[in-house]
Amino acid sequence: MIVPKISQSLIKAYQDYNKGEECGLFFKARYIDKDPEANTPPSDVMRLGIYFEYLATGALPRDGVVPEPDKVYKGKANEKMSADYERANQSAERFKKIIEKYGITIKQIGMLLDDGECNGIIDIYADWHGRDVFIDLKYTSLIDDKWSELGWNIDSLNEKNKLMVQGVHYKMLAKNVLNIDDIPFYYFVFSSKDPDNIRIIEQAVDEATAAAHIVSISTLQQNLEYNFRFGFNAYPSIQKCSKCPINHKCEKAIDYPLIDQILY
C-alpha cells in the first residue's frame, strides 16, 4: 500500500490515534482508503465556520454547495437569519474592512500546495504591500480560551501543537512548492460570539521547529508503513462507535461497555 500524502489534518488525526483517542480503523478508512462514508457531515459549529468563510472570501466547501444560513421562525412573516449566522455576516464584513485597511490583496483562495510527499490547502494566498503571505481564517467560540487544546488565547498558543502545526506545515510547503523561504503566515481569528473580538496572529517558526517537523513527517511515514504491514488498532467504545459513520460495516464496532480493570 502506498503511503498517502501527509496533510496537516492527517498529522493531527494520527496523533490522536497514537493517544488512543481516534480509532485506527476509522483513521484508515478516512485517510488511507479514502472511503466516502468516512467523511462525516460537518457539525453545526463547522457549518457556521464554512458559512463565515464563504461570505468573507467566496470559498466554497469541498462539496461545492453554497452554504445557507440557519433560519428562525421558518415559514412565518418574521422569518429571519439565526443570531449565530447574523454574527457570522458581521464578522465577514469585518474581515473585508480589515484587509482593505491593511492593504491586503487576495491572489488566490483554496490554493492547493503539493510537493509530492505532503500537501495542504491554503485558505488565502495574498499580497500584503508587495509581499506574498498566507492567511488562515479561524471562526471559533474559543478565541479567549487558554486551557482548551483548540483555544486561541495567545499566552498559551506556543504550547498547542494541534493548532500551530498548520503554520509550520504550510511554511514548509511554500518553500518546497513556491520556492518562498519562510513565507509570513497569519491566523485571522474571529469570535463566533462577538464580531468585535478579533485577533491577527503571525506565526514565526524557527529553524529547529522547521527541521523537527520534517523529521516528524519522516517518522509518520515509517509508522504508516508499519501499520500497513501489521494493521491499525481499533479503539471501540459505545460513544465513539455510535457516532461512527462506518459502524454498520465495522467488525470491531460495539454497542455495549467494555470492562476496565483497575489494579489497587
Protein backbone atom coordinates (compact mmCIF):
# COMPACT_ATOMS: atom_id res chain seq x y z
CA MET A 1 0.00 0.00 0.00
CA ILE A 2 1.26 3.47 -0.90
CA VAL A 3 1.77 5.93 1.96
CA PRO A 4 -0.68 8.82 1.49
CA LYS A 5 0.45 12.39 1.12
CA ILE A 6 0.87 14.00 4.51
CA SER A 7 -1.52 16.85 5.27
CA GLN A 8 -1.77 18.78 8.50
CA SER A 9 -5.17 17.18 9.19
CA LEU A 10 -3.67 13.69 8.73
CA ILE A 11 -0.85 14.59 11.13
CA LYS A 12 -3.32 15.66 13.82
CA ALA A 13 -5.56 12.64 13.28
CA TYR A 14 -2.59 10.25 13.58
CA GLN A 15 -1.50 11.97 16.79
CA ASP A 16 -5.00 11.33 18.16
CA TYR A 17 -4.73 7.70 17.05
CA ASN A 18 -1.38 7.33 18.83
CA LYS A 19 -3.00 8.58 22.03
CA GLY A 20 -5.90 6.15 21.65
CA GLU A 21 -8.35 8.99 21.12
CA GLU A 22 -9.04 8.10 17.48
CA CYS A 23 -9.95 4.62 16.27
CA GLY A 24 -7.34 3.24 13.90
CA LEU A 25 -10.00 1.65 11.71
CA PHE A 26 -11.74 4.96 11.21
CA PHE A 27 -8.40 6.66 10.55
CA LYS A 28 -7.58 4.05 7.92
CA ALA A 29 -10.99 4.36 6.28
CA ARG A 30 -10.77 8.13 6.06
CA TYR A 31 -7.13 8.85 5.29
CA ILE A 32 -5.83 5.65 3.69
CA ASP A 33 -8.80 4.00 1.96
CA LYS A 34 -10.49 7.35 1.19
CA ASP A 35 -13.84 5.74 2.00
CA PRO A 36 -16.50 8.37 1.16
CA GLU A 37 -18.63 7.09 4.04
CA ALA A 38 -15.87 8.11 6.45
CA ASN A 39 -16.33 11.76 5.54
CA THR A 40 -18.58 12.75 8.40
CA PRO A 41 -21.04 15.58 7.74
CA PRO A 42 -20.00 18.92 9.22
CA SER A 43 -21.18 19.71 12.72
CA ASP A 44 -23.24 22.83 13.43
CA VAL A 45 -20.05 24.59 14.55
CA MET A 46 -18.27 23.61 11.33
CA ARG A 47 -21.23 24.70 9.20
CA LEU A 48 -21.11 28.11 10.82
CA GLY A 49 -17.39 28.43 10.07
CA ILE A 50 -17.91 27.32 6.47
CA TYR A 51 -20.63 29.94 6.05
CA PHE A 52 -18.41 32.67 7.51
CA GLU A 53 -15.53 31.76 5.21
CA TYR A 54 -17.83 31.72 2.18
CA LEU A 55 -19.09 35.22 2.98
CA ALA A 56 -15.59 36.51 3.72
CA THR A 57 -13.77 35.12 0.68
CA GLY A 58 -16.26 33.34 -1.58
CA ALA A 59 -14.63 29.97 -0.81
CA LEU A 60 -16.99 27.04 -1.36
CA PRO A 61 -16.84 23.94 0.84
CA ARG A 62 -15.36 20.72 -0.58
CA ASP A 63 -18.77 19.55 -1.82
CA GLY A 64 -19.16 22.70 -3.93
CA VAL A 65 -22.56 23.52 -2.45
CA VAL A 66 -23.20 27.15 -1.50
CA PRO A 67 -23.72 27.22 2.30
CA GLU A 68 -27.04 28.55 3.55
CA PRO A 69 -27.70 30.21 6.92
CA ASP A 70 -29.94 28.71 9.56
CA LYS A 71 -33.28 30.49 9.91
CA VAL A 72 -35.65 31.06 12.81
CA TYR A 73 -39.44 31.40 12.59
CA LYS A 74 -39.37 29.48 9.32
CA GLY A 75 -42.39 29.97 7.11
CA LYS A 76 -43.64 32.93 9.12
CA ALA A 77 -43.74 36.60 8.28
CA ASN A 78 -40.94 37.28 10.77
CA GLU A 79 -38.60 34.59 9.38
CA LYS A 80 -35.00 35.70 9.68
CA MET A 81 -31.45 34.50 9.99
CA SER A 82 -30.48 32.98 13.34
CA ALA A 83 -28.38 35.09 15.72
CA ASP A 84 -25.30 32.88 15.15
CA TYR A 85 -25.45 33.44 11.40
CA GLU A 86 -26.15 37.15 11.81
CA ARG A 87 -22.88 37.39 13.75
CA ALA A 88 -21.12 35.43 11.00
CA ASN A 89 -22.32 38.04 8.50
CA GLN A 90 -20.98 40.83 10.68
CA SER A 91 -17.63 39.06 11.10
CA ALA A 92 -17.30 38.55 7.34
CA GLU A 93 -17.85 42.29 6.81
CA ARG A 94 -15.22 43.00 9.48
CA PHE A 95 -12.77 40.79 7.58
CA LYS A 96 -13.31 42.68 4.34
CA LYS A 97 -12.72 46.02 6.08
CA ILE A 98 -9.60 44.70 7.80
CA ILE A 99 -7.88 43.55 4.61
CA GLU A 100 -8.79 46.84 2.94
CA LYS A 101 -7.35 48.77 5.89
CA TYR A 102 -4.11 46.77 5.81
CA GLY A 103 -3.78 46.90 2.04
CA ILE A 104 -4.08 43.13 1.58
CA THR A 105 -4.96 41.86 -1.90
CA ILE A 106 -6.21 38.29 -2.18
CA LYS A 107 -4.43 36.47 -5.00
CA GLN A 108 -6.00 33.03 -4.59
CA ILE A 109 -8.34 31.19 -2.22
CA GLY A 110 -8.28 27.47 -1.53
CA MET A 111 -4.82 27.09 -3.03
CA LEU A 112 -3.53 23.50 -3.15
CA LEU A 113 0.17 23.01 -2.49
CA ASP A 114 1.66 19.58 -3.19
CA ASP A 115 5.35 18.71 -3.05
CA GLY A 116 4.88 15.04 -3.88
CA GLU A 117 5.01 13.77 -0.29
CA CYS A 118 2.99 16.39 1.55
CA ASN A 119 0.10 18.65 0.67
CA GLY A 120 -2.20 21.29 2.07
CA ILE A 121 -4.88 23.75 1.07
CA ILE A 122 -4.23 27.38 1.94
CA ASP A 123 -7.27 29.48 2.82
CA ILE A 124 -5.81 32.67 1.37
CA TYR A 125 -2.70 33.38 -0.67
CA ALA A 126 -2.34 37.15 -0.65
CA ASP A 127 -0.17 40.15 -1.42
CA TRP A 128 0.47 42.34 1.60
CA HIS A 129 2.21 45.52 0.46
CA GLY A 130 4.21 43.66 -2.20
CA ARG A 131 4.99 40.60 -0.09
CA ASP A 132 3.44 37.16 -0.53
CA VAL A 133 1.70 35.88 2.60
CA PHE A 134 -0.55 33.02 3.72
CA ILE A 135 -3.67 33.76 5.75
CA ASP A 136 -5.71 31.12 7.52
CA LEU A 137 -9.20 32.06 8.71
CA LYS A 138 -10.49 30.78 12.03
CA TYR A 139 -14.05 31.21 13.30
CA THR A 140 -14.30 29.99 16.86
CA SER A 141 -16.03 30.29 20.21
CA LEU A 142 -12.66 29.62 21.89
CA ILE A 143 -10.86 32.82 20.95
CA ASP A 144 -10.09 33.66 24.60
CA ASP A 145 -9.77 30.10 25.89
CA LYS A 146 -6.39 29.42 27.48
CA TRP A 147 -6.87 25.79 28.51
CA SER A 148 -8.57 24.04 25.60
CA GLU A 149 -6.17 22.50 23.09
CA LEU A 150 -8.17 24.41 20.46
CA GLY A 151 -8.28 27.71 22.36
CA TRP A 152 -6.71 30.82 20.84
CA ASN A 153 -5.55 32.73 23.93
CA ILE A 154 -2.12 33.92 22.79
CA ASP A 155 -0.44 33.30 26.16
CA SER A 156 -0.62 29.52 25.65
CA LEU A 157 -0.53 29.17 21.86
CA ASN A 158 3.12 28.14 21.73
CA GLU A 159 2.16 25.02 23.71
CA LYS A 160 -0.64 23.95 21.34
CA ASN A 161 0.81 21.73 18.64
CA LYS A 162 -2.64 20.85 17.31
CA LEU A 163 -3.10 24.47 16.25
CA MET A 164 0.44 25.53 15.46
CA VAL A 165 1.42 22.55 13.28
CA GLN A 166 -0.61 24.10 10.47
CA GLY A 167 1.65 27.13 10.08
CA VAL A 168 4.80 25.01 10.22
CA HIS A 169 3.44 22.62 7.59
CA TYR A 170 2.33 25.36 5.21
CA LYS A 171 5.60 27.28 5.52
CA MET A 172 7.40 24.07 4.54
CA LEU A 173 5.13 23.63 1.52
CA ALA A 174 5.67 27.24 0.44
CA LYS A 175 9.40 26.63 0.44
CA ASN A 176 9.15 23.32 -1.42
CA VAL A 177 6.49 24.29 -3.97
CA LEU A 178 6.66 28.06 -4.40
CA ASN A 179 10.35 28.47 -3.54
CA ILE A 180 9.41 31.08 -0.92
CA ASP A 181 11.57 30.74 2.16
CA ASP A 182 9.83 31.49 5.46
CA ILE A 183 6.63 32.94 3.98
CA PRO A 184 4.75 35.09 6.53
CA PHE A 185 1.86 33.05 7.92
CA TYR A 186 -1.10 34.69 9.67
CA TYR A 187 -4.14 33.42 11.52
CA PHE A 188 -7.11 35.78 11.32
CA VAL A 189 -9.19 34.61 14.27
CA PHE A 190 -12.81 35.74 14.65
CA SER A 191 -15.04 35.09 17.62
CA SER A 192 -18.36 33.40 16.84
CA LYS A 193 -19.81 35.07 19.94
CA ASP A 194 -18.67 38.66 19.39
CA PRO A 195 -17.91 40.13 15.94
CA ASP A 196 -15.72 42.78 17.57
CA ASN A 197 -13.43 40.20 19.18
CA ILE A 198 -10.78 39.59 16.51
CA ARG A 199 -7.13 38.59 16.59
CA ILE A 200 -4.46 38.68 13.90
CA ILE A 201 -1.63 36.35 14.84
CA GLU A 202 1.60 35.94 12.90
CA GLN A 203 3.25 32.57 13.46
CA ALA A 204 7.02 32.71 13.47
CA VAL A 205 8.80 29.37 13.03
CA ASP A 206 12.45 28.93 13.97
CA GLU A 207 14.86 26.64 12.15
CA ALA A 208 14.78 23.98 14.88
CA THR A 209 10.98 23.69 14.73
CA ALA A 210 11.01 23.54 10.93
CA ALA A 211 13.67 20.81 10.97
CA ALA A 212 11.79 18.86 13.66
CA HIS A 213 8.64 18.98 11.54
CA ILE A 214 10.46 17.39 8.60
CA VAL A 215 11.77 14.64 10.89
CA SER A 216 8.27 14.07 12.31
CA ILE A 217 6.89 13.62 8.78
CA SER A 218 9.53 11.01 8.02
CA THR A 219 8.68 9.22 11.28
CA LEU A 220 4.97 9.36 10.48
CA GLN A 221 5.59 7.82 7.06
CA GLN A 222 7.56 4.99 8.69
CA ASN A 223 4.79 4.45 11.25
CA LEU A 224 2.20 4.25 8.49
CA GLU A 225 4.28 1.68 6.64
CA TYR A 226 4.40 -0.36 9.87
CA ASN A 227 0.61 -0.08 10.19
CA PHE A 228 0.18 -1.25 6.60
CA ARG A 229 2.10 -4.42 7.48
CA PHE A 230 0.63 -5.14 10.91
CA GLY A 231 -2.67 -3.30 10.88
CA PHE A 232 -4.32 -0.42 12.72
CA ASN A 233 -5.68 -0.83 16.23
CA ALA A 234 -9.38 -0.37 16.89
CA TYR A 235 -10.34 1.63 19.97
CA PRO A 236 -14.05 0.86 20.26
CA SER A 237 -16.41 2.47 22.74
CA ILE A 238 -20.17 2.95 22.78
CA GLN A 239 -19.75 6.70 22.47
CA LYS A 240 -17.38 6.61 19.51
CA CYS A 241 -18.94 3.65 17.71
CA SER A 242 -22.47 5.03 17.93
CA LYS A 243 -21.38 8.16 16.07
CA CYS A 244 -19.01 6.49 13.61
CA PRO A 245 -20.30 6.65 10.00
CA ILE A 246 -18.78 3.26 9.12
CA ASN A 247 -20.05 1.34 12.18
CA HIS A 248 -22.51 -0.63 10.04
CA LYS A 249 -19.65 -2.41 8.31
CA CYS A 250 -17.07 -2.50 11.09
CA GLU A 251 -16.39 -5.84 12.80
CA LYS A 252 -14.99 -4.08 15.88
CA ALA A 253 -17.97 -1.79 16.49
CA ILE A 254 -19.68 -2.33 19.85
CA ASP A 255 -22.97 -1.34 21.46
CA TYR A 256 -22.06 -2.42 24.99
CA PRO A 257 -19.49 -1.16 27.51
CA LEU A 258 -16.12 -2.85 27.73
CA ILE A 259 -14.71 -3.82 31.12
CA ASP A 260 -11.89 -1.68 32.52
CA GLN A 261 -9.59 -3.30 35.07
CA ILE A 262 -8.02 -1.25 37.84
CA LEU A 263 -5.21 -2.63 40.00
CA TYR A 264 -5.41 -1.34 43.56
